Amino acid sequence: MIKHTCPRCAQLTAERWCCGIDLLARKRWRMTHDRVRMIHVLARARKGLTDEEYRLRLAAVGVSTSLKLGRDQLHQLLVGLRALPDSPRWIAGSRHAGRRGRLAKAG
């Protein structure tokens, strides 16, 4: 039998509810540093946005910093970023660029 600790009264219980709290409910969603890192790689490295362009994209979804993004705002930001074309520097630095170049010349 799995027991859970109530965050309000700190009592260990096997019940689903304690102090009016659902102990089996999922954790509240929050922006993590790994998610921020993923956004920065996408926006700055892959899409080639400047800091000013990146800040404008954040402001368009209603936040001033990526740590304040909610789940829906993150989704809106990612949809907008993925719609942008990749930076030429990203394409040239691709690990498969050399292979594609050799195949194109051979054909």
Protein backbone atom coordinates (compact mmCIF):
# COMPACT_ATOMS: atom_id res chain seq x y z
CA MET A 1 0.00 0.00 0.00
CA ILE A 2 1.40 3.38 -1.06
CA LYS A 3 1.24 6.15 1.47
CA HIS A 4 1.33 9.84 0.66
CA THR A 5 2.33 12.80 2.81
CA CYS A 6 -0.16 15.62 3.08
CA PRO A 7 1.53 18.95 2.23
CA ARG A 8 -0.72 20.82 4.67
CA CYS A 9 -0.61 18.71 7.87
CA ALA A 10 2.45 16.51 7.02
CA GLN A 11 0.51 13.38 7.99
CA LEU A 12 1.35 10.12 6.20
CA THR A 13 -1.83 8.54 4.86
CA ALA A 14 -2.98 5.87 2.42
CA GLU A 15 -6.13 7.87 1.63
CA ARG A 16 -6.53 9.87 -1.56
CA TRP A 17 -7.77 13.01 0.22
CA CYS A 18 -6.38 14.81 3.27
CA CYS A 19 -7.12 18.37 4.45
CA GLY A 20 -9.26 18.89 1.32
CA ILE A 21 -6.31 18.19 -1.00
CA ASP A 22 -6.22 15.45 -3.65
CA LEU A 23 -2.93 13.72 -2.86
CA LEU A 24 -2.91 11.85 -6.18
CA ALA A 25 -3.30 14.95 -8.32
CA ARG A 26 -0.51 15.73 -10.73
CA LYS A 27 2.11 18.29 -9.83
CA ARG A 28 1.43 21.82 -10.97
CA TRP A 29 3.13 22.61 -14.30
CA ARG A 30 6.02 25.04 -14.18
CA MET A 31 8.70 26.33 -16.48
CA THR A 32 12.02 24.56 -15.86
CA HIS A 33 15.56 25.54 -16.74
CA ASP A 34 15.73 22.64 -19.21
CA ARG A 35 12.71 24.03 -21.05
CA VAL A 36 14.30 27.50 -21.09
CA ARG A 37 17.50 26.01 -22.52
CA MET A 38 15.51 24.24 -25.24
CA ILE A 39 13.77 27.50 -26.20
CA HIS A 40 17.07 29.38 -26.32
CA VAL A 41 18.66 26.78 -28.60
CA LEU A 42 15.64 26.87 -30.89
CA ALA A 43 15.33 30.66 -30.99
CA ARG A 44 18.94 31.82 -30.96
CA ALA A 45 20.98 29.03 -32.51
CA ARG A 46 18.58 27.32 -34.88
CA LYS A 47 16.44 30.30 -35.93
CA GLY A 48 19.16 32.96 -35.53
CA LEU A 49 17.08 35.49 -33.56
CA THR A 50 18.83 38.43 -31.93
CA ASP A 51 18.19 39.19 -28.28
CA GLU A 52 15.82 42.01 -29.25
CA GLU A 53 13.83 39.79 -31.64
CA TYR A 54 13.65 37.07 -28.98
CA ARG A 55 12.32 39.57 -26.40
CA LEU A 56 9.70 40.77 -28.88
CA ARG A 57 8.54 37.17 -29.38
CA LEU A 58 8.25 36.74 -25.60
CA ALA A 59 6.30 40.00 -25.32
CA ALA A 60 3.95 38.81 -28.08
CA VAL A 61 2.84 35.89 -25.88
CA GLY A 62 2.57 38.13 -22.80
CA VAL A 63 5.72 37.61 -20.71
CA SER A 64 8.97 39.46 -20.19
CA THR A 65 11.14 36.45 -19.37
CA SER A 66 10.96 32.82 -20.43
CA LEU A 67 10.82 31.60 -16.82
CA LYS A 68 7.36 33.20 -16.51
CA LEU A 69 5.90 31.27 -19.45
CA GLY A 70 2.78 29.23 -18.79
CA ARG A 71 1.99 26.01 -20.64
CA ASP A 72 -0.24 27.70 -23.24
CA GLN A 73 2.20 30.60 -23.70
CA LEU A 74 5.05 28.13 -24.22
CA HIS A 75 3.00 26.34 -26.87
CA GLN A 76 2.24 29.65 -28.65
CA LEU A 77 5.90 30.65 -28.58
CA LEU A 78 7.07 27.29 -29.94
CA VAL A 79 4.51 27.32 -32.75
CA GLY A 80 5.70 30.80 -33.76
CA LEU A 81 9.39 29.86 -33.59
CA ARG A 82 8.97 26.63 -35.53
CA ALA A 83 7.23 28.54 -38.33
CA LEU A 84 10.37 30.63 -38.90
CA PRO A 85 12.98 29.40 -41.41
CA ASP A 86 16.21 27.95 -40.04
CA SER A 87 19.25 30.20 -39.89
CA PRO A 88 21.76 29.71 -42.74
CA ARG A 89 24.45 29.25 -40.09
CA TRP A 90 22.43 26.41 -38.55
CA ILE A 91 21.97 24.70 -41.91
CA ALA A 92 25.68 25.06 -42.81
CA GLY A 93 26.72 23.70 -39.40
CA SER A 94 24.44 20.68 -39.65
CA ARG A 95 26.18 17.36 -39.10
CA HIS A 96 24.62 16.03 -42.31
CA ALA A 97 25.52 19.04 -44.50
CA GLY A 98 28.68 17.41 -45.78
CA ARG A 99 26.94 14.17 -46.66
CA ARG A 100 24.16 16.00 -48.49
CA GLY A 101 26.75 18.02 -50.38
CA ARG A 102 28.65 14.89 -51.48
CA LEU A 103 25.44 13.16 -52.55
CA ALA A 104 24.31 16.16 -54.54
CA LYS A 105 27.65 16.41 -56.37
CA ALA A 106 27.78 12.67 -57.12
CA GLY A 107 24.26 12.60 -58.60
